[in-house]
């Protein structure tokens, strides 16, 4: 596995640990549907959070959260809709982004709740 993939997995684990500390239950990691993949599906109370994790070692060029493209959003929405209907879940669905910026050996995590909406 390349360093990029290892760092991505490390970022996802940091996000899982963070969400658990915040009272979320992780219901699925790396959920796949057709061409879509949801990094983390987590539940807290009556909210299902569809979480995209973005890890970077530099924030210089662009804001990490802005790297989630409209195409990626469409895929996340499609996968979330499938997951909810397949599991017959009746809760509010929210789309979050967790960004992880690695600065030397220190990690900065930011959780953007309701980062985007679908209609």
N, C-alpha and C. Protein backbone atom coordinates (compact mmCIF):
# COMPACT_ATOMS: atom_id res chain seq x y z
N UNK A 1 0.86 -1.18 0.00
CA UNK A 1 0.00 0.00 0.00
C UNK A 1 0.90 1.24 0.00
N UNK A 2 0.59 2.21 -0.82
CA UNK A 2 1.38 3.42 -0.90
C UNK A 2 1.19 4.31 0.32
N UNK A 3 2.13 5.25 0.50
CA UNK A 3 2.05 6.15 1.65
C UNK A 3 0.76 6.97 1.64
N UNK A 4 0.30 7.34 0.44
CA UNK A 4 -0.94 8.11 0.33
C UNK A 4 -2.11 7.32 0.90
N UNK A 5 -2.21 6.03 0.51
CA UNK A 5 -3.30 5.19 1.01
C UNK A 5 -3.20 4.96 2.51
N UNK A 6 -1.97 4.76 3.00
CA UNK A 6 -1.77 4.57 4.44
C UNK A 6 -2.21 5.81 5.20
N UNK A 7 -1.85 6.98 4.70
CA UNK A 7 -2.24 8.22 5.35
C UNK A 7 -3.76 8.41 5.31
N UNK A 8 -4.37 8.03 4.20
CA UNK A 8 -5.82 8.12 4.09
C UNK A 8 -6.52 7.22 5.10
N UNK A 9 -6.03 5.99 5.26
CA UNK A 9 -6.60 5.06 6.25
C UNK A 9 -6.38 5.58 7.66
N UNK A 10 -5.20 6.15 7.90
CA UNK A 10 -4.91 6.72 9.21
C UNK A 10 -5.87 7.88 9.50
N UNK A 11 -6.13 8.69 8.49
CA UNK A 11 -7.08 9.80 8.63
C UNK A 11 -8.47 9.31 8.94
N UNK A 12 -8.90 8.26 8.24
CA UNK A 12 -10.23 7.69 8.50
C UNK A 12 -10.33 7.15 9.93
N UNK A 13 -9.27 6.52 10.42
CA UNK A 13 -9.29 6.00 11.79
C UNK A 13 -9.34 7.15 12.80
N UNK A 14 -8.62 8.22 12.54
CA UNK A 14 -8.69 9.41 13.42
C UNK A 14 -10.12 9.96 13.44
N UNK A 15 -10.77 9.97 12.28
CA UNK A 15 -12.15 10.46 12.19
C UNK A 15 -13.10 9.55 12.96
N UNK A 16 -12.93 8.23 12.84
CA UNK A 16 -13.75 7.27 13.58
C UNK A 16 -13.59 7.49 15.08
N UNK A 17 -12.35 7.61 15.54
CA UNK A 17 -12.09 7.81 16.97
C UNK A 17 -12.73 9.11 17.45
N UNK A 18 -12.62 10.17 16.64
CA UNK A 18 -13.22 11.46 16.98
C UNK A 18 -14.75 11.33 17.11
N UNK A 19 -15.38 10.70 16.12
CA UNK A 19 -16.84 10.56 16.14
C UNK A 19 -17.30 9.75 17.34
N UNK A 20 -16.60 8.68 17.66
CA UNK A 20 -16.96 7.87 18.83
C UNK A 20 -16.90 8.70 20.11
N UNK A 21 -15.85 9.51 20.24
CA UNK A 21 -15.72 10.38 21.42
C UNK A 21 -16.87 11.37 21.52
N UNK A 22 -17.41 11.75 20.35
CA UNK A 22 -18.53 12.71 20.31
C UNK A 22 -19.88 12.02 20.48
N UNK A 23 -19.90 10.71 20.72
CA UNK A 23 -21.15 10.01 20.99
C UNK A 23 -21.80 9.36 19.80
N UNK A 24 -21.11 9.29 18.68
CA UNK A 24 -21.65 8.63 17.48
C UNK A 24 -21.39 7.13 17.56
N UNK A 25 -22.27 6.38 16.96
CA UNK A 25 -22.07 4.95 16.75
C UNK A 25 -21.71 4.77 15.28
N UNK A 26 -20.61 4.10 15.03
CA UNK A 26 -20.18 3.86 13.65
C UNK A 26 -20.97 2.66 13.14
N UNK A 27 -21.79 2.88 12.11
CA UNK A 27 -22.61 1.79 11.59
C UNK A 27 -21.97 1.12 10.37
N UNK A 28 -21.08 1.83 9.68
CA UNK A 28 -20.43 1.24 8.51
C UNK A 28 -19.20 2.06 8.15
N UNK A 29 -18.14 1.38 7.75
CA UNK A 29 -16.94 2.05 7.22
C UNK A 29 -16.74 1.58 5.79
N UNK A 30 -16.41 2.50 4.92
CA UNK A 30 -16.13 2.21 3.52
C UNK A 30 -17.29 1.49 2.83
N UNK A 31 -18.48 2.06 2.98
CA UNK A 31 -19.68 1.51 2.33
C UNK A 31 -19.60 1.78 0.83
N UNK A 32 -19.77 0.74 0.05
CA UNK A 32 -19.69 0.87 -1.41
C UNK A 32 -21.04 0.57 -2.05
N UNK A 33 -21.37 1.39 -3.04
CA UNK A 33 -22.55 1.16 -3.87
C UNK A 33 -22.22 1.65 -5.27
N UNK A 34 -22.25 0.76 -6.23
CA UNK A 34 -21.85 1.05 -7.60
C UNK A 34 -20.48 1.73 -7.60
N UNK A 35 -20.39 2.96 -8.11
CA UNK A 35 -19.09 3.64 -8.16
C UNK A 35 -18.83 4.52 -6.95
N UNK A 36 -19.73 4.49 -5.99
CA UNK A 36 -19.62 5.38 -4.84
C UNK A 36 -19.03 4.66 -3.63
N UNK A 37 -18.32 5.42 -2.82
CA UNK A 37 -17.86 4.90 -1.54
C UNK A 37 -18.05 5.98 -0.48
N UNK A 38 -18.68 5.58 0.61
CA UNK A 38 -18.85 6.47 1.76
C UNK A 38 -17.81 6.05 2.79
N UNK A 39 -16.99 6.99 3.23
CA UNK A 39 -15.93 6.66 4.17
C UNK A 39 -16.50 6.14 5.50
N UNK A 40 -17.44 6.92 6.07
CA UNK A 40 -18.00 6.55 7.38
C UNK A 40 -19.49 6.85 7.38
N UNK A 41 -20.27 5.90 7.89
CA UNK A 41 -21.69 6.14 8.17
C UNK A 41 -21.81 6.01 9.68
N UNK A 42 -22.27 7.09 10.31
CA UNK A 42 -22.34 7.13 11.77
C UNK A 42 -23.71 7.63 12.20
N UNK A 43 -24.13 7.16 13.37
CA UNK A 43 -25.44 7.57 13.87
C UNK A 43 -25.33 8.15 15.27
N UNK A 44 -26.05 9.22 15.47
CA UNK A 44 -26.15 9.83 16.80
C UNK A 44 -27.59 10.29 16.96
N UNK A 45 -28.26 9.73 17.94
CA UNK A 45 -29.68 10.01 18.17
C UNK A 45 -30.46 9.68 16.90
N UNK A 46 -31.22 10.64 16.37
CA UNK A 46 -32.03 10.40 15.17
C UNK A 46 -31.40 10.98 13.92
N UNK A 47 -30.07 11.04 13.88
CA UNK A 47 -29.37 11.58 12.72
C UNK A 47 -28.37 10.55 12.22
N UNK A 48 -28.43 10.31 10.92
CA UNK A 48 -27.44 9.46 10.26
C UNK A 48 -26.48 10.39 9.53
N UNK A 49 -25.22 10.34 9.92
CA UNK A 49 -24.21 11.20 9.29
C UNK A 49 -23.45 10.40 8.24
N UNK A 50 -23.49 10.91 7.02
CA UNK A 50 -22.71 10.36 5.92
C UNK A 50 -21.44 11.21 5.87
N UNK A 51 -20.31 10.59 6.21
CA UNK A 51 -19.09 11.36 6.44
C UNK A 51 -18.04 11.08 5.38
N UNK A 52 -17.59 12.14 4.74
CA UNK A 52 -16.47 12.08 3.80
C UNK A 52 -15.24 12.58 4.56
N UNK A 53 -14.19 11.78 4.56
CA UNK A 53 -12.96 12.16 5.25
C UNK A 53 -11.94 12.60 4.22
N UNK A 54 -11.35 13.76 4.46
CA UNK A 54 -10.32 14.28 3.56
C UNK A 54 -9.07 14.55 4.38
N UNK A 55 -8.00 13.86 4.04
CA UNK A 55 -6.72 14.01 4.74
C UNK A 55 -5.70 14.63 3.81
N UNK A 56 -4.97 15.60 4.32
CA UNK A 56 -3.93 16.25 3.53
C UNK A 56 -2.74 16.54 4.43
N UNK A 57 -1.58 16.61 3.81
CA UNK A 57 -0.39 16.98 4.56
C UNK A 57 -0.04 18.45 4.35
N UNK A 58 -0.82 19.12 3.49
CA UNK A 58 -0.60 20.55 3.27
C UNK A 58 -1.93 21.19 2.90
N UNK A 59 -2.18 22.36 3.44
CA UNK A 59 -3.42 23.08 3.16
C UNK A 59 -3.13 24.32 2.31
N UNK A 60 -1.94 24.36 1.74
CA UNK A 60 -1.48 25.58 1.07
C UNK A 60 -2.26 25.90 -0.20
N UNK A 61 -2.51 24.92 -1.04
CA UNK A 61 -3.08 25.18 -2.36
C UNK A 61 -4.57 25.49 -2.28
N UNK A 62 -5.34 24.65 -1.57
CA UNK A 62 -6.78 24.87 -1.50
C UNK A 62 -7.32 24.37 -0.17
N UNK A 63 -8.45 24.87 0.19
CA UNK A 63 -9.13 24.41 1.39
C UNK A 63 -9.48 22.93 1.21
N UNK A 64 -9.17 22.13 2.20
CA UNK A 64 -9.36 20.68 2.06
C UNK A 64 -10.82 20.33 1.76
N UNK A 65 -11.75 20.96 2.47
CA UNK A 65 -13.17 20.65 2.30
C UNK A 65 -13.64 20.94 0.88
N UNK A 66 -13.01 21.91 0.22
CA UNK A 66 -13.41 22.29 -1.13
C UNK A 66 -12.97 21.27 -2.19
N UNK A 67 -12.23 20.24 -1.77
CA UNK A 67 -11.82 19.20 -2.72
C UNK A 67 -12.93 18.18 -2.96
N UNK A 68 -14.05 18.31 -2.25
CA UNK A 68 -15.20 17.43 -2.48
C UNK A 68 -15.97 18.02 -3.66
N UNK A 69 -15.88 17.35 -4.79
CA UNK A 69 -16.44 17.86 -6.05
C UNK A 69 -17.94 17.60 -6.14
N UNK A 70 -18.63 18.34 -7.02
CA UNK A 70 -20.06 18.05 -7.25
C UNK A 70 -20.30 16.59 -7.66
N UNK A 71 -19.40 16.02 -8.44
CA UNK A 71 -19.54 14.61 -8.84
C UNK A 71 -19.46 13.71 -7.61
N UNK A 72 -18.53 13.99 -6.70
CA UNK A 72 -18.39 13.19 -5.49
C UNK A 72 -19.63 13.34 -4.62
N UNK A 73 -20.15 14.55 -4.52
CA UNK A 73 -21.37 14.79 -3.75
C UNK A 73 -22.52 13.95 -4.31
N UNK A 74 -22.67 13.95 -5.64
CA UNK A 74 -23.73 13.17 -6.28
C UNK A 74 -23.59 11.68 -5.95
N UNK A 75 -22.35 11.17 -5.98
CA UNK A 75 -22.11 9.77 -5.65
C UNK A 75 -22.43 9.47 -4.18
N UNK A 76 -22.05 10.39 -3.30
CA UNK A 76 -22.34 10.21 -1.87
C UNK A 76 -23.85 10.18 -1.61
N UNK A 77 -24.57 11.07 -2.26
CA UNK A 77 -26.03 11.12 -2.10
C UNK A 77 -26.65 9.82 -2.60
N UNK A 78 -26.19 9.34 -3.76
CA UNK A 78 -26.71 8.10 -4.32
C UNK A 78 -26.44 6.92 -3.36
N UNK A 79 -25.23 6.83 -2.85
CA UNK A 79 -24.89 5.74 -1.93
C UNK A 79 -25.67 5.85 -0.63
N UNK A 80 -25.84 7.05 -0.12
CA UNK A 80 -26.60 7.26 1.12
C UNK A 80 -28.05 6.85 0.93
N UNK A 81 -28.64 7.26 -0.18
CA UNK A 81 -30.04 6.89 -0.46
C UNK A 81 -30.19 5.37 -0.52
N UNK A 82 -29.22 4.71 -1.16
CA UNK A 82 -29.27 3.25 -1.25
C UNK A 82 -29.13 2.62 0.13
N UNK A 83 -28.20 3.10 0.93
CA UNK A 83 -27.97 2.55 2.27
C UNK A 83 -29.22 2.69 3.14
N UNK A 84 -29.83 3.87 3.10
CA UNK A 84 -31.02 4.13 3.92
C UNK A 84 -32.18 3.25 3.48
N UNK A 85 -32.42 3.14 2.18
CA UNK A 85 -33.55 2.32 1.72
C UNK A 85 -33.26 0.83 1.91
N UNK A 86 -32.05 0.40 1.67
CA UNK A 86 -31.68 -1.01 1.82
C UNK A 86 -31.84 -1.47 3.28
N UNK A 87 -31.56 -0.57 4.22
CA UNK A 87 -31.62 -0.92 5.64
C UNK A 87 -32.90 -0.42 6.31
N UNK A 88 -33.82 0.14 5.51
CA UNK A 88 -35.11 0.62 6.02
C UNK A 88 -34.94 1.52 7.25
N UNK A 89 -34.10 2.53 7.09
CA UNK A 89 -33.79 3.45 8.18
C UNK A 89 -34.66 4.70 8.04
N UNK A 90 -35.27 5.11 9.14
CA UNK A 90 -36.13 6.29 9.13
C UNK A 90 -35.58 7.35 10.08
N UNK A 91 -34.54 8.04 9.63
CA UNK A 91 -33.92 9.11 10.42
C UNK A 91 -33.54 10.24 9.47
N UNK A 92 -33.18 11.37 10.04
CA UNK A 92 -32.66 12.46 9.22
C UNK A 92 -31.25 12.07 8.75
N UNK A 93 -30.94 12.42 7.52
CA UNK A 93 -29.62 12.14 6.96
C UNK A 93 -28.89 13.46 6.78
N UNK A 94 -27.65 13.48 7.23
CA UNK A 94 -26.83 14.68 7.14
C UNK A 94 -25.51 14.31 6.46
N UNK A 95 -24.98 15.20 5.66
CA UNK A 95 -23.71 14.97 4.97
C UNK A 95 -22.63 15.84 5.62
N UNK A 96 -21.64 15.18 6.18
CA UNK A 96 -20.56 15.87 6.88
C UNK A 96 -19.24 15.65 6.15
N UNK A 97 -18.32 16.55 6.41
CA UNK A 97 -16.94 16.37 5.95
C UNK A 97 -16.05 16.51 7.18
N UNK A 98 -15.14 15.58 7.32
CA UNK A 98 -14.10 15.71 8.35
C UNK A 98 -12.78 15.89 7.61
N UNK A 99 -12.12 17.01 7.91
CA UNK A 99 -10.83 17.27 7.29
C UNK A 99 -9.74 17.02 8.33
N UNK A 100 -8.66 16.43 7.86
CA UNK A 100 -7.52 16.16 8.72
C UNK A 100 -6.29 16.71 8.02
N UNK A 101 -5.65 17.65 8.67
CA UNK A 101 -4.45 18.28 8.14
C UNK A 101 -3.27 17.82 8.99
N UNK A 102 -2.30 17.23 8.33
CA UNK A 102 -1.10 16.77 9.04
C UNK A 102 -0.02 17.82 8.88
N UNK A 103 0.40 18.37 9.99
CA UNK A 103 1.50 19.33 10.04
C UNK A 103 2.62 18.69 10.83
N UNK A 104 3.64 18.25 10.15
CA UNK A 104 4.73 17.49 10.76
C UNK A 104 4.13 16.27 11.46
N UNK A 105 4.24 16.18 12.78
CA UNK A 105 3.69 15.01 13.48
C UNK A 105 2.37 15.31 14.17
N UNK A 106 1.83 16.51 13.94
CA UNK A 106 0.59 16.94 14.59
C UNK A 106 -0.57 16.89 13.59
N UNK A 107 -1.74 16.46 14.09
CA UNK A 107 -2.93 16.40 13.24
C UNK A 107 -3.94 17.45 13.70
N UNK A 108 -4.52 18.16 12.73
CA UNK A 108 -5.61 19.10 13.02
C UNK A 108 -6.86 18.54 12.35
N UNK A 109 -7.90 18.31 13.16
CA UNK A 109 -9.14 17.74 12.65
C UNK A 109 -10.24 18.79 12.74
N UNK A 110 -11.01 18.89 11.67
CA UNK A 110 -12.16 19.79 11.65
C UNK A 110 -13.38 19.01 11.16
N UNK A 111 -14.50 19.13 11.89
CA UNK A 111 -15.73 18.43 11.54
C UNK A 111 -16.74 19.46 11.04
N UNK A 112 -17.08 19.37 9.77
CA UNK A 112 -18.05 20.27 9.16
C UNK A 112 -19.38 19.53 9.06
N UNK A 113 -20.29 19.81 9.98
CA UNK A 113 -21.60 19.17 9.94
C UNK A 113 -22.46 19.84 8.87
N UNK A 114 -23.32 19.05 8.25
CA UNK A 114 -24.19 19.57 7.17
C UNK A 114 -23.36 20.37 6.16
N UNK A 115 -22.31 19.75 5.68
CA UNK A 115 -21.38 20.43 4.77
C UNK A 115 -22.02 20.74 3.42
N UNK A 116 -22.99 19.92 3.02
CA UNK A 116 -23.74 20.19 1.80
C UNK A 116 -25.10 19.53 1.92
N UNK A 117 -26.00 19.93 1.05
CA UNK A 117 -27.37 19.44 1.10
C UNK A 117 -27.74 18.82 -0.22
N UNK A 118 -28.69 17.92 -0.19
CA UNK A 118 -29.26 17.43 -1.45
C UNK A 118 -30.77 17.58 -1.34
N UNK A 119 -31.41 17.68 -2.47
CA UNK A 119 -32.86 17.93 -2.47
C UNK A 119 -33.58 16.79 -3.15
